[in-house]
Amino acid sequence: MVIAEPSIFLLGGIFEMNMLKNKIFCMNCGKKYNRKNNHEQCILICSGRNNYGIKFCSSKIIKEKDLLNIIKIHCRNYNKKEIDVNKIEINIDGEVKIYYKDGKISEWNSNKLIF
């Protein structure tokens, strides 16, 4: 449930998108993903693509709410009350791998979610 950008309620607590700052990386060009407000919807875009264009990096744009939902599902599945994301990788096809500090990994593509 979105209350005020960039905060959301997550398992009774508040999760700040700042907690993911400098943790989301493009596996195509190696640049970081940045948060951008795009027509009342927040997206995550590779800074290489954003700064230099699609010829430099053709990585996918990810909806922020989709990424947060993956993290939220992971927390529910493992009964976590804290976000413990270590690193997030997004490849050219838009597949997402989230590495948690406890060693667990969540993977997502448009067809399935794997824990």
PDB file of N, CA and C in Angstrom:
ATOM      1  N   MET A   1       0.845  -1.164   0.000  1.00  0.00           N
ATOM      2  CA  MET A   1       0.000   0.000   0.000  1.00  0.00           C
ATOM      3  C   MET A   1       0.899   1.238   0.000  1.00  0.00           C
ATOM      4  N   VAL A   2       0.765   2.067  -0.970  1.00  0.00           N
ATOM      5  CA  VAL A   2       1.579   3.274  -1.063  1.00  0.00           C
ATOM      6  C   VAL A   2       0.974   4.349  -0.170  1.00  0.00           C
ATOM      7  N   ILE A   3       1.803   4.954   0.692  1.00  0.00           N
ATOM      8  CA  ILE A   3       1.289   6.002   1.554  1.00  0.00           C
ATOM      9  C   ILE A   3       1.821   7.368   1.144  1.00  0.00           C
ATOM     10  N   ALA A   4       3.082   7.451   0.826  1.00  0.00           N
ATOM     11  CA  ALA A   4       3.683   8.693   0.361  1.00  0.00           C
ATOM     12  C   ALA A   4       5.011   8.319  -0.260  1.00  0.00           C
ATOM     13  N   GLU A   5       5.199   8.670  -1.470  1.00  0.00           N
ATOM     14  CA  GLU A   5       6.446   8.293  -2.125  1.00  0.00           C
ATOM     15  C   GLU A   5       7.626   8.858  -1.370  1.00  0.00           C
ATOM     16  N   PRO A   6       8.697   8.145  -1.161  1.00  0.00           N
ATOM     17  CA  PRO A   6       8.952   6.785  -1.589  1.00  0.00           C
ATOM     18  C   PRO A   6       8.747   5.750  -0.492  1.00  0.00           C
ATOM     19  N   SER A   7       7.875   5.946   0.460  1.00  0.00           N
ATOM     20  CA  SER A   7       7.675   4.999   1.557  1.00  0.00           C
ATOM     21  C   SER A   7       6.497   4.079   1.271  1.00  0.00           C
ATOM     22  N   ILE A   8       6.613   2.838   1.702  1.00  0.00           N
ATOM     23  CA  ILE A   8       5.475   1.920   1.641  1.00  0.00           C
ATOM     24  C   ILE A   8       5.431   1.149   2.948  1.00  0.00           C
ATOM     25  N   PHE A   9       4.239   0.688   3.328  1.00  0.00           N
ATOM     26  CA  PHE A   9       4.128  -0.200   4.474  1.00  0.00           C
ATOM     27  C   PHE A   9       4.565  -1.580   4.035  1.00  0.00           C
ATOM     28  N   LEU A  10       5.377  -2.208   4.839  1.00  0.00           N
ATOM     29  CA  LEU A  10       5.823  -3.555   4.537  1.00  0.00           C
ATOM     30  C   LEU A  10       5.870  -4.341   5.832  1.00  0.00           C
ATOM     31  N   LEU A  11       4.956  -5.277   5.983  1.00  0.00           N
ATOM     32  CA  LEU A  11       4.897  -6.119   7.158  1.00  0.00           C
ATOM     33  C   LEU A  11       4.860  -5.312   8.451  1.00  0.00           C
ATOM     34  N   GLY A  12       4.071  -4.259   8.449  1.00  0.00           N
ATOM     35  CA  GLY A  12       3.892  -3.467   9.655  1.00  0.00           C
ATOM     36  C   GLY A  12       4.934  -2.381   9.851  1.00  0.00           C
ATOM     37  N   GLY A  13       5.929  -2.329   8.984  1.00  0.00           N
ATOM     38  CA  GLY A  13       6.958  -1.308   9.108  1.00  0.00           C
ATOM     39  C   GLY A  13       6.948  -0.422   7.888  1.00  0.00           C
ATOM     40  N   ILE A  14       7.834   0.535   7.863  1.00  0.00           N
ATOM     41  CA  ILE A  14       7.941   1.405   6.698  1.00  0.00           C
ATOM     42  C   ILE A  14       9.243   1.102   5.997  1.00  0.00           C
ATOM     43  N   PHE A  15       9.160   0.900   4.707  1.00  0.00           N
ATOM     44  CA  PHE A  15      10.328   0.600   3.896  1.00  0.00           C
ATOM     45  C   PHE A  15      10.620   1.801   3.020  1.00  0.00           C
ATOM     46  N   GLU A  16      11.818   2.300   3.087  1.00  0.00           N
ATOM     47  CA  GLU A  16      12.224   3.437   2.276  1.00  0.00           C
ATOM     48  C   GLU A  16      12.979   2.939   1.049  1.00  0.00           C
ATOM     49  N   MET A  17      12.647   3.471  -0.113  1.00  0.00           N
ATOM     50  CA  MET A  17      13.381   3.101  -1.317  1.00  0.00           C
ATOM     51  C   MET A  17      14.853   3.480  -1.183  1.00  0.00           C
ATOM     52  N   ASN A  18      15.183   4.432  -0.316  1.00  0.00           N
ATOM     53  CA  ASN A  18      16.583   4.801  -0.102  1.00  0.00           C
ATOM     54  C   ASN A  18      17.399   3.596   0.347  1.00  0.00           C
ATOM     55  N   MET A  19      16.745   2.626   0.982  1.00  0.00           N
ATOM     56  CA  MET A  19      17.444   1.439   1.448  1.00  0.00           C
ATOM     57  C   MET A  19      17.994   0.625   0.279  1.00  0.00           C
ATOM     58  N   LEU A  20      17.462   0.825  -0.907  1.00  0.00           N
ATOM     59  CA  LEU A  20      17.936   0.108  -2.088  1.00  0.00           C
ATOM     60  C   LEU A  20      18.889   0.945  -2.931  1.00  0.00           C
ATOM     61  N   LYS A  21      19.101   2.191  -2.545  1.00  0.00           N
ATOM     62  CA  LYS A  21      19.983   3.065  -3.303  1.00  0.00           C
ATOM     63  C   LYS A  21      21.382   2.456  -3.371  1.00  0.00           C
ATOM     64  N   ASN A  22      21.956   2.471  -4.559  1.00  0.00           N
ATOM     65  CA  ASN A  22      23.287   1.920  -4.828  1.00  0.00           C
ATOM     66  C   ASN A  22      23.365   0.405  -4.668  1.00  0.00           C
ATOM     67  N   LYS A  23      22.214  -0.274  -4.706  1.00  0.00           N
ATOM     68  CA  LYS A  23      22.198  -1.736  -4.598  1.00  0.00           C
ATOM     69  C   LYS A  23      21.612  -2.410  -5.833  1.00  0.00           C
ATOM     70  N   ILE A  24      21.119  -1.614  -6.796  1.00  0.00           N
ATOM     71  CA  ILE A  24      20.475  -2.179  -7.984  1.00  0.00           C
ATOM     72  C   ILE A  24      21.393  -1.944  -9.183  1.00  0.00           C
ATOM     73  N   PHE A  25      21.805  -3.043  -9.841  1.00  0.00           N
ATOM     74  CA  PHE A  25      22.774  -2.959 -10.922  1.00  0.00           C
ATOM     75  C   PHE A  25      22.264  -3.576 -12.212  1.00  0.00           C
ATOM     76  N   CYS A  26      22.667  -2.976 -13.326  1.00  0.00           N
ATOM     77  CA  CYS A  26      22.354  -3.483 -14.660  1.00  0.00           C
ATOM     78  C   CYS A  26      23.413  -4.517 -15.031  1.00  0.00           C
ATOM     79  N   MET A  27      22.990  -5.711 -15.397  1.00  0.00           N
ATOM     80  CA  MET A  27      23.931  -6.751 -15.776  1.00  0.00           C
ATOM     81  C   MET A  27      24.350  -6.629 -17.237  1.00  0.00           C
ATOM     82  N   ASN A  28      23.765  -5.682 -17.963  1.00  0.00           N
ATOM     83  CA  ASN A  28      24.141  -5.447 -19.355  1.00  0.00           C
ATOM     84  C   ASN A  28      25.348  -4.514 -19.439  1.00  0.00           C
ATOM     85  N   CYS A  29      25.270  -3.357 -18.785  1.00  0.00           N
ATOM     86  CA  CYS A  29      26.343  -2.363 -18.900  1.00  0.00           C
ATOM     87  C   CYS A  29      27.090  -2.122 -17.591  1.00  0.00           C
ATOM     88  N   GLY A  30      26.586  -2.649 -16.483  1.00  0.00           N
ATOM     89  CA  GLY A  30      27.261  -2.502 -15.197  1.00  0.00           C
ATOM     90  C   GLY A  30      26.905  -1.243 -14.421  1.00  0.00           C
ATOM     91  N   LYS A  31      26.107  -0.375 -15.007  1.00  0.00           N
ATOM     92  CA  LYS A  31      25.707   0.864 -14.325  1.00  0.00           C
ATOM     93  C   LYS A  31      24.632   0.569 -13.286  1.00  0.00           C
ATOM     94  N   LYS A  32      24.393   1.537 -12.419  1.00  0.00           N
ATOM     95  CA  LYS A  32      23.356   1.407 -11.399  1.00  0.00           C
ATOM     96  C   LYS A  32      21.996   1.778 -11.972  1.00  0.00           C
ATOM     97  N   TYR A  33      20.968   1.184 -11.397  1.00  0.00           N
ATOM     98  CA  TYR A  33      19.594   1.569 -11.721  1.00  0.00           C
ATOM     99  C   TYR A  33      19.212   2.740 -10.825  1.00  0.00           C
ATOM    100  N   ASN A  34      18.470   3.680 -11.375  1.00  0.00           N
ATOM    101  CA  ASN A  34      17.990   4.835 -10.627  1.00  0.00           C
ATOM    102  C   ASN A  34      16.463   4.858 -10.627  1.00  0.00           C
ATOM    103  N   ARG A  35      15.921   5.472  -9.614  1.00  0.00           N
ATOM    104  CA  ARG A  35      14.472   5.640  -9.473  1.00  0.00           C
ATOM    105  C   ARG A  35      14.062   6.905 -10.217  1.00  0.00           C
ATOM    106  N   LYS A  36      12.965   6.809 -10.951  1.00  0.00           N
ATOM    107  CA  LYS A  36      12.485   7.951 -11.725  1.00  0.00           C
ATOM    108  C   LYS A  36      10.967   7.966 -11.679  1.00  0.00           C
ATOM    109  N   ASN A  37      10.380   9.160 -11.507  1.00  0.00           N
ATOM    110  CA  ASN A  37       8.936   9.308 -11.522  1.00  0.00           C
ATOM    111  C   ASN A  37       8.507   9.544 -12.961  1.00  0.00           C
ATOM    112  N   ASN A  38       7.704   8.639 -13.488  1.00  0.00           N
ATOM    113  CA  ASN A  38       7.308   8.671 -14.888  1.00  0.00           C
ATOM    114  C   ASN A  38       5.786   8.678 -14.988  1.00  0.00           C
ATOM    115  N   HIS A  39       5.208   9.852 -15.140  1.00  0.00           N
ATOM    116  CA  HIS A  39       3.749   9.978 -15.283  1.00  0.00           C
ATOM    117  C   HIS A  39       3.007   9.321 -14.122  1.00  0.00           C
ATOM    118  N   GLU A  40       3.327   9.759 -12.901  1.00  0.00           N
ATOM    119  CA  GLU A  40       2.680   9.300 -11.676  1.00  0.00           C
ATOM    120  C   GLU A  40       2.960   7.837 -11.348  1.00  0.00           C
ATOM    121  N   GLN A  41       3.941   7.253 -11.995  1.00  0.00           N
ATOM    122  CA  GLN A  41       4.339   5.877 -11.710  1.00  0.00           C
ATOM    123  C   GLN A  41       5.854   5.866 -11.561  1.00  0.00           C
ATOM    124  N   CYS A  42       6.336   5.291 -10.490  1.00  0.00           N
ATOM    125  CA  CYS A  42       7.783   5.244 -10.288  1.00  0.00           C
ATOM    126  C   CYS A  42       8.363   4.039 -11.008  1.00  0.00           C
ATOM    127  N   ILE A  43       9.461   4.280 -11.688  1.00  0.00           N
ATOM    128  CA  ILE A  43      10.142   3.222 -12.425  1.00  0.00           C
ATOM    129  C   ILE A  43      11.604   3.181 -11.994  1.00  0.00           C
ATOM    130  N   LEU A  44      12.244   2.075 -12.316  1.00  0.00           N
ATOM    131  CA  LEU A  44      13.676   1.930 -12.114  1.00  0.00           C
ATOM    132  C   LEU A  44      14.292   1.777 -13.493  1.00  0.00           C
ATOM    133  N   ILE A  45      15.256   2.632 -13.806  1.00  0.00           N
ATOM    134  CA  ILE A  45      15.869   2.640 -15.131  1.00  0.00           C
ATOM    135  C   ILE A  45      17.386   2.627 -14.976  1.00  0.00           C
ATOM    136  N   CYS A  46      18.041   1.900 -15.857  1.00  0.00           N
ATOM    137  CA  CYS A  46      19.497   1.844 -15.862  1.00  0.00           C
ATOM    138  C   CYS A  46      20.030   3.249 -16.141  1.00  0.00           C
ATOM    139  N   SER A  47      20.994   3.691 -15.332  1.00  0.00           N
ATOM    140  CA  SER A  47      21.537   5.039 -15.530  1.00  0.00           C
ATOM    141  C   SER A  47      22.293   5.141 -16.855  1.00  0.00           C
ATOM    142  N   GLY A  48      22.857   4.039 -17.338  1.00  0.00           N
ATOM    143  CA  GLY A  48      23.505   4.047 -18.650  1.00  0.00           C
ATOM    144  C   GLY A  48      22.498   4.306 -19.761  1.00  0.00           C
ATOM    145  N   ARG A  49      21.367   3.619 -19.692  1.00  0.00           N
ATOM    146  CA  ARG A  49      20.309   3.839 -20.683  1.00  0.00           C
ATOM    147  C   ARG A  49      19.734   5.239 -20.563  1.00  0.00           C
ATOM    148  N   ASN A  50      19.502   5.683 -19.351  1.00  0.00           N
ATOM    149  CA  ASN A  50      18.904   6.985 -19.115  1.00  0.00           C
ATOM    150  C   ASN A  50      19.816   8.123 -19.582  1.00  0.00           C
ATOM    151  N   ASN A  51      21.112   8.002 -19.336  1.00  0.00           N
ATOM    152  CA  ASN A  51      22.055   9.075 -19.672  1.00  0.00           C
ATOM    153  C   ASN A  51      22.564   9.032 -21.107  1.00  0.00           C
ATOM    154  N   TYR A  52      22.745   7.817 -21.654  1.00  0.00           N
ATOM    155  CA  TYR A  52      23.394   7.693 -22.960  1.00  0.00           C
ATOM    156  C   TYR A  52      22.510   7.093 -24.054  1.00  0.00           C
ATOM    157  N   GLY A  53      21.319   6.652 -23.683  1.00  0.00           N
ATOM    158  CA  GLY A  53      20.379   6.150 -24.670  1.00  0.00           C
ATOM    159  C   GLY A  53      20.365   4.645 -24.816  1.00  0.00           C
ATOM    160  N   ILE A  54      19.387   4.182 -25.576  1.00  0.00           N
ATOM    161  CA  ILE A  54      19.147   2.750 -25.733  1.00  0.00           C
ATOM    162  C   ILE A  54      20.243   2.061 -26.547  1.00  0.00           C
ATOM    163  N   LYS A  55      20.981   2.811 -27.353  1.00  0.00           N
ATOM    164  CA  LYS A  55      22.099   2.204 -28.091  1.00  0.00           C
ATOM    165  C   LYS A  55      23.233   1.833 -27.144  1.00  0.00           C
ATOM    166  N   PHE A  56      23.386   2.590 -26.058  1.00  0.00           N
ATOM    167  CA  PHE A  56      24.408   2.291 -25.056  1.00  0.00           C
ATOM    168  C   PHE A  56      23.996   1.079 -24.217  1.00  0.00           C
ATOM    169  N   CYS A  57      22.733   1.073 -23.797  1.00  0.00           N
ATOM    170  CA  CYS A  57      22.233  -0.030 -22.969  1.00  0.00           C
ATOM    171  C   CYS A  57      20.753  -0.241 -23.262  1.00  0.00           C
ATOM    172  N   SER A  58      20.421  -1.443 -23.668  1.00  0.00           N
ATOM    173  CA  SER A  58      19.023  -1.743 -24.025  1.00  0.00           C
ATOM    174  C   SER A  58      18.311  -2.515 -22.917  1.00  0.00           C
ATOM    175  N   SER A  59      18.736  -2.311 -21.667  1.00  0.00           N
ATOM    176  CA  SER A  59      18.107  -3.001 -20.544  1.00  0.00           C
ATOM    177  C   SER A  59      16.652  -2.563 -20.377  1.00  0.00           C
ATOM    178  N   LYS A  60      15.896  -3.390 -19.705  1.00  0.00           N
ATOM    179  CA  LYS A  60      14.473  -3.129 -19.483  1.00  0.00           C
ATOM    180  C   LYS A  60      14.266  -2.128 -18.350  1.00  0.00           C
ATOM    181  N   ILE A  61      13.173  -1.418 -18.441  1.00  0.00           N
ATOM    182  CA  ILE A  61      12.730  -0.537 -17.366  1.00  0.00           C
ATOM    183  C   ILE A  61      11.825  -1.374 -16.467  1.00  0.00           C
ATOM    184  N   ILE A  62      12.033  -1.271 -15.165  1.00  0.00           N
ATOM    185  CA  ILE A  62      11.289  -2.068 -14.191  1.00  0.00           C
ATOM    186  C   ILE A  62      10.368  -1.149 -13.389  1.00  0.00           C
ATOM    187  N   LYS A  63       9.140  -1.585 -13.184  1.00  0.00           N
ATOM    188  CA  LYS A  63       8.236  -0.813 -12.326  1.00  0.00           C
ATOM    189  C   LYS A  63       8.658  -1.010 -10.872  1.00  0.00           C
ATOM    190  N   GLU A  64       8.769   0.100 -10.156  1.00  0.00           N
ATOM    191  CA  GLU A  64       9.168   0.041  -8.760  1.00  0.00           C
ATOM    192  C   GLU A  64       8.236  -0.861  -7.951  1.00  0.00           C
ATOM    193  N   LYS A  65       6.948  -0.773  -8.202  1.00  0.00           N
ATOM    194  CA  LYS A  65       5.990  -1.563  -7.428  1.00  0.00           C
ATOM    195  C   LYS A  65       6.202  -3.059  -7.634  1.00  0.00           C
ATOM    196  N   ASP A  66       6.647  -3.476  -8.830  1.00  0.00           N
ATOM    197  CA  ASP A  66       6.921  -4.891  -9.065  1.00  0.00           C
ATOM    198  C   ASP A  66       8.100  -5.366  -8.223  1.00  0.00           C
ATOM    199  N   LEU A  67       9.159  -4.576  -8.187  1.00  0.00           N
ATOM    200  CA  LEU A  67      10.320  -4.932  -7.381  1.00  0.00           C
ATOM    201  C   LEU A  67       9.965  -4.990  -5.903  1.00  0.00           C
ATOM    202  N   LEU A  68       9.211  -4.018  -5.423  1.00  0.00           N
ATOM    203  CA  LEU A  68       8.817  -4.003  -4.019  1.00  0.00           C
ATOM    204  C   LEU A  68       7.919  -5.184  -3.671  1.00  0.00           C
ATOM    205  N   ASN A  69       7.074  -5.594  -4.619  1.00  0.00           N
ATOM    206  CA  ASN A  69       6.217  -6.760  -4.380  1.00  0.00           C
ATOM    207  C   ASN A  69       7.046  -8.031  -4.241  1.00  0.00           C
ATOM    208  N   ILE A  70       8.103  -8.176  -5.031  1.00  0.00           N
ATOM    209  CA  ILE A  70       8.978  -9.347  -4.922  1.00  0.00           C
ATOM    210  C   ILE A  70       9.600  -9.388  -3.533  1.00  0.00           C
ATOM    211  N   ILE A  71      10.100  -8.249  -3.073  1.00  0.00           N
ATOM    212  CA  ILE A  71      10.719  -8.172  -1.747  1.00  0.00           C
ATOM    213  C   ILE A  71       9.688  -8.461  -0.662  1.00  0.00           C
ATOM    214  N   LYS A  72       8.494  -7.947  -0.831  1.00  0.00           N
ATOM    215  CA  LYS A  72       7.421  -8.158   0.145  1.00  0.00           C
ATOM    216  C   LYS A  72       7.046  -9.644   0.224  1.00  0.00           C
ATOM    217  N   ILE A  73       6.938 -10.304  -0.910  1.00  0.00           N
ATOM    218  CA  ILE A  73       6.613 -11.735  -0.932  1.00  0.00           C
ATOM    219  C   ILE A  73       7.718 -12.533  -0.246  1.00  0.00           C
ATOM    220  N   HIS A  74       8.969 -12.182  -0.537  1.00  0.00           N
ATOM    221  CA  HIS A  74      10.099 -12.865   0.092  1.00  0.00           C
ATOM    222  C   HIS A  74      10.014 -12.735   1.618  1.00  0.00           C
ATOM    223  N   CYS A  75       9.751 -11.531   2.084  1.00  0.00           N
ATOM    224  CA  CYS A  75       9.659 -11.294   3.531  1.00  0.00           C
ATOM    225  C   CYS A  75       8.537 -12.110   4.163  1.00  0.00           C
ATOM    226  N   ARG A  76       7.422 -12.189   3.486  1.00  0.00           N
ATOM    227  CA  ARG A  76       6.304 -12.994   4.012  1.00  0.00           C
ATOM    228  C   ARG A  76       6.662 -14.474   4.030  1.00  0.00           C
ATOM    229  N   ASN A  77       7.279 -14.969   2.943  1.00  0.00           N
ATOM    230  CA  ASN A  77       7.625 -16.388   2.849  1.00  0.00           C
ATOM    231  C   ASN A  77       8.612 -16.809   3.931  1.00  0.00           C
ATOM    232  N   TYR A  78       9.514 -15.925   4.295  1.00  0.00           N
ATOM    233  CA  TYR A  78      10.542 -16.255   5.280  1.00  0.00           C
ATOM    234  C   TYR A  78      10.298 -15.590   6.630  1.00  0.00           C
ATOM    235  N   ASN A  79       9.098 -15.074   6.817  1.00  0.00           N
ATOM    236  CA  ASN A  79       8.698 -14.496   8.103  1.00  0.00           C
ATOM    237  C   ASN A  79       9.665 -13.412   8.573  1.00  0.00           C
ATOM    238  N   LYS A  80      10.075 -12.560   7.653  1.00  0.00           N
ATOM    239  CA  LYS A  80      11.023 -11.486   7.965  1.00  0.00           C
ATOM    240  C   LYS A  80      10.260 -10.214   8.277  1.00  0.00           C
ATOM    241  N   LYS A  81      10.783  -9.453   9.216  1.00  0.00           N
ATOM    242  CA  LYS A  81      10.195  -8.165   9.540  1.00  0.00           C
ATOM    243  C   LYS A  81      11.092  -7.021   9.099  1.00  0.00           C
ATOM    244  N   GLU A  82      12.298  -7.355   8.645  1.00  0.00           N
ATOM    245  CA  GLU A  82      13.239  -6.345   8.177  1.00  0.00           C
ATOM    246  C   GLU A  82      13.647  -6.641   6.741  1.00  0.00           C
ATOM    247  N   ILE A  83      13.982  -5.598   6.031  1.00  0.00           N
ATOM    248  CA  ILE A  83      14.509  -5.745   4.683  1.00  0.00           C
ATOM    249  C   ILE A  83      16.006  -5.959   4.808  1.00  0.00           C
ATOM    250  N   ASP A  84      16.500  -7.026   4.205  1.00  0.00           N
ATOM    251  CA  ASP A  84      17.919  -7.332   4.303  1.00  0.00           C
ATOM    252  C   ASP A  84      18.538  -7.542   2.919  1.00  0.00           C
ATOM    253  N   VAL A  85      18.205  -6.646   1.996  1.00  0.00           N
ATOM    254  CA  VAL A  85      18.698  -6.758   0.625  1.00  0.00           C
ATOM    255  C   VAL A  85      20.168  -6.357   0.573  1.00  0.00           C
ATOM    256  N   ASN A  86      20.959  -7.211  -0.032  1.00  0.00           N
ATOM    257  CA  ASN A  86      22.381  -6.944  -0.199  1.00  0.00           C
ATOM    258  C   ASN A  86      22.667  -6.339  -1.570  1.00  0.00           C
ATOM    259  N   LYS A  87      22.055  -6.931  -2.616  1.00  0.00           N
ATOM    260  CA  LYS A  87      22.312  -6.495  -3.990  1.00  0.00           C
ATOM    261  C   LYS A  87      21.180  -6.974  -4.887  1.00  0.00           C
ATOM    262  N   ILE A  88      20.867  -6.172  -5.905  1.00  0.00           N
ATOM    263  CA  ILE A  88      19.850  -6.547  -6.889  1.00  0.00           C
ATOM    264  C   ILE A  88      20.482  -6.430  -8.270  1.00  0.00           C
ATOM    265  N   GLU A  89      20.300  -7.473  -9.084  1.00  0.00           N
ATOM    266  CA  GLU A  89      20.812  -7.466 -10.451  1.00  0.00           C
ATOM    267  C   GLU A  89      19.640  -7.572 -11.418  1.00  0.00           C
ATOM    268  N   ILE A  90      19.673  -6.763 -12.472  1.00  0.00           N
ATOM    269  CA  ILE A  90      18.641  -6.811 -13.503  1.00  0.00           C
ATOM    270  C   ILE A  90      19.346  -7.031 -14.831  1.00  0.00           C
ATOM    271  N   ASN A  91      18.979  -8.120 -15.542  1.00  0.00           N
ATOM    272  CA  ASN A  91      19.653  -8.376 -16.817  1.00  0.00           C
ATOM    273  C   ASN A  91      18.895  -7.756 -17.984  1.00  0.00           C
ATOM    274  N   ILE A  92      19.437  -7.914 -19.167  1.00  0.00           N
ATOM    275  CA  ILE A  92      18.916  -7.238 -20.359  1.00  0.00           C
ATOM    276  C   ILE A  92      17.475  -7.640 -20.678  1.00  0.00           C
ATOM    277  N   ASP A  93      17.064  -8.841 -20.264  1.00  0.00           N
ATOM    278  CA  ASP A  93      15.701  -9.313 -20.525  1.00  0.00           C
ATOM    279  C   ASP A  93      14.715  -8.889 -19.450  1.00  0.00           C
ATOM    280  N   GLY A  94      15.188  -8.154 -18.453  1.00  0.00           N
ATOM    281  CA  GLY A  94      14.310  -7.716 -17.374  1.00  0.00           C
ATOM    282  C   GLY A  94      14.188  -8.716 -16.249  1.00  0.00           C
ATOM    283  N   GLU A  95      14.993  -9.781 -16.279  1.00  0.00           N
ATOM    284  CA  GLU A  95      14.987 -10.742 -15.184  1.00  0.00           C
ATOM    285  C   GLU A  95      15.695 -10.130 -13.987  1.00  0.00           C
ATOM    286  N   VAL A  96      15.124 -10.340 -12.813  1.00  0.00           N
ATOM    287  CA  VAL A  96      15.621  -9.714 -11.582  1.00  0.00           C
ATOM    288  C   VAL A  96      16.118 -10.798 -10.631  1.00  0.00           C
ATOM    289  N   LYS A  97      17.302 -10.578 -10.058  1.00  0.00           N
ATOM    290  CA  LYS A  97      17.837 -11.434  -8.995  1.00  0.00           C
ATOM    291  C   LYS A  97      18.086 -10.545  -7.793  1.00  0.00           C
ATOM    292  N   ILE A  98      17.502 -10.930  -6.667  1.00  0.00           N
ATOM    293  CA  ILE A  98      17.684 -10.185  -5.431  1.00  0.00           C
ATOM    294  C   ILE A  98      18.482 -11.058  -4.460  1.00  0.00           C
ATOM    295  N   TYR A  99      19.614 -10.553  -4.039  1.00  0.00           N
ATOM    296  CA  TYR A  99      20.472 -11.258  -3.094  1.00  0.00           C
ATOM    297  C   TYR A  99      20.253 -10.662  -1.701  1.00  0.00           C
ATOM    298  N   TYR A 100      19.919 -11.527  -0.752  1.00  0.00           N
ATOM    299  CA  TYR A 100      19.669 -11.087   0.614  1.00  0.00           C
ATOM    300  C   TYR A 100      20.889 -11.372   1.480  1.00  0.00           C
ATOM    301  N   LYS A 101      21.030 -10.634   2.558  1.00  0.00           N
ATOM    302  CA  LYS A 101      22.186 -10.765   3.443  1.00  0.00           C
ATOM    303  C   LYS A 101      22.274 -12.135   4.104  1.00  0.00           C
ATOM    304  N   ASP A 102      21.128 -12.827   4.222  1.00  0.00           N
ATOM    305  CA  ASP A 102      21.147 -14.163   4.839  1.00  0.00           C
ATOM    306  C   ASP A 102      21.503 -15.266   3.839  1.00  0.00           C
ATOM    307  N   GLY A 103      21.862 -14.878   2.599  1.00  0.00           N
ATOM    308  CA  GLY A 103      22.276 -15.845   1.586  1.00  0.00           C
ATOM    309  C   GLY A 103      21.167 -16.316   0.659  1.00  0.00           C
ATOM    310  N   LYS A 104      19.926 -15.984   0.957  1.00  0.00           N
ATOM    311  CA  LYS A 104      18.812 -16.385   0.097  1.00  0.00           C
ATOM    312  C   LYS A 104      18.765 -15.505  -1.155  1.00  0.00           C
ATOM    313  N   ILE A 105      18.159 -16.047  -2.210  1.00  0.00           N
ATOM    314  CA  ILE A 105      18.051 -15.327  -3.481  1.00  0.00           C
ATOM    315  C   ILE A 105      16.617 -15.443  -3.974  1.00  0.00           C
ATOM    316  N   SER A 106      16.051 -14.330  -4.452  1.00  0.00           N
ATOM    317  CA  SER A 106      14.760 -14.331  -5.139  1.00  0.00           C
ATOM    318  C   SER A 106      15.032 -14.014  -6.599  1.00  0.00           C
ATOM    319  N   GLU A 107      14.393 -14.762  -7.497  1.00  0.00           N
ATOM    320  CA  GLU A 107      14.520 -14.497  -8.925  1.00  0.00           C
ATOM    321  C   GLU A 107      13.134 -14.265  -9.504  1.00  0.00           C
ATOM    322  N   TRP A 108      13.059 -13.340 -10.443  1.00  0.00           N
ATOM    323  CA  TRP A 108      11.771 -13.016 -11.060  1.00  0.00           C
ATOM    324  C   TRP A 108      11.975 -12.705 -12.527  1.00  0.00           C
ATOM    325  N   ASN A 109      11.076 -13.238 -13.346  1.00  0.00           N
ATOM    326  CA  ASN A 109      10.956 -12.762 -14.717  1.00  0.00           C
ATOM    327  C   ASN A 109       9.475 -12.602 -14.989  1.00  0.00           C
ATOM    328  N   SER A 110       9.126 -12.231 -16.184  1.00  0.00           N
ATOM    329  CA  SER A 110       7.713 -11.935 -16.451  1.00  0.00           C
ATOM    330  C   SER A 110       6.816 -13.160 -16.305  1.00  0.00           C
ATOM    331  N   ASN A 111       7.386 -14.347 -16.283  1.00  0.00           N
ATOM    332  CA  ASN A 111       6.575 -15.556 -16.221  1.00  0.00           C
ATOM    333  C   ASN A 111       6.478 -16.203 -14.851  1.00  0.00           C
ATOM    334  N   LYS A 112       7.510 -15.994 -13.998  1.00  0.00           N
ATOM    335  CA  LYS A 112       7.493 -16.716 -12.736  1.00  0.00           C
ATOM    336  C   LYS A 112       8.347 -16.023 -11.679  1.00  0.00           C
ATOM    337  N   LEU A 113       8.090 -16.423 -10.451  1.00  0.00           N
ATOM    338  CA  LEU A 113       8.826 -15.929  -9.295  1.00  0.00           C
ATOM    339  C   LEU A 113       9.416 -17.147  -8.603  1.00  0.00           C
ATOM    340  N   ILE A 114      10.728 -17.156  -8.368  1.00  0.00           N
ATOM    341  CA  ILE A 114      11.412 -18.295  -7.759  1.00  0.00           C
ATOM    342  C   ILE A 114      12.085 -17.839  -6.478  1.00  0.00           C
ATOM    343  N   PHE A 115      11.930 -18.641  -5.400  1.00  0.00           N
ATOM    344  CA  PHE A 115      12.620 -18.364  -4.140  1.00  0.00           C
ATOM    345  C   PHE A 115      13.579 -19.481  -3.846  1.00  0.00           C
TER     346      PHE A 115
END
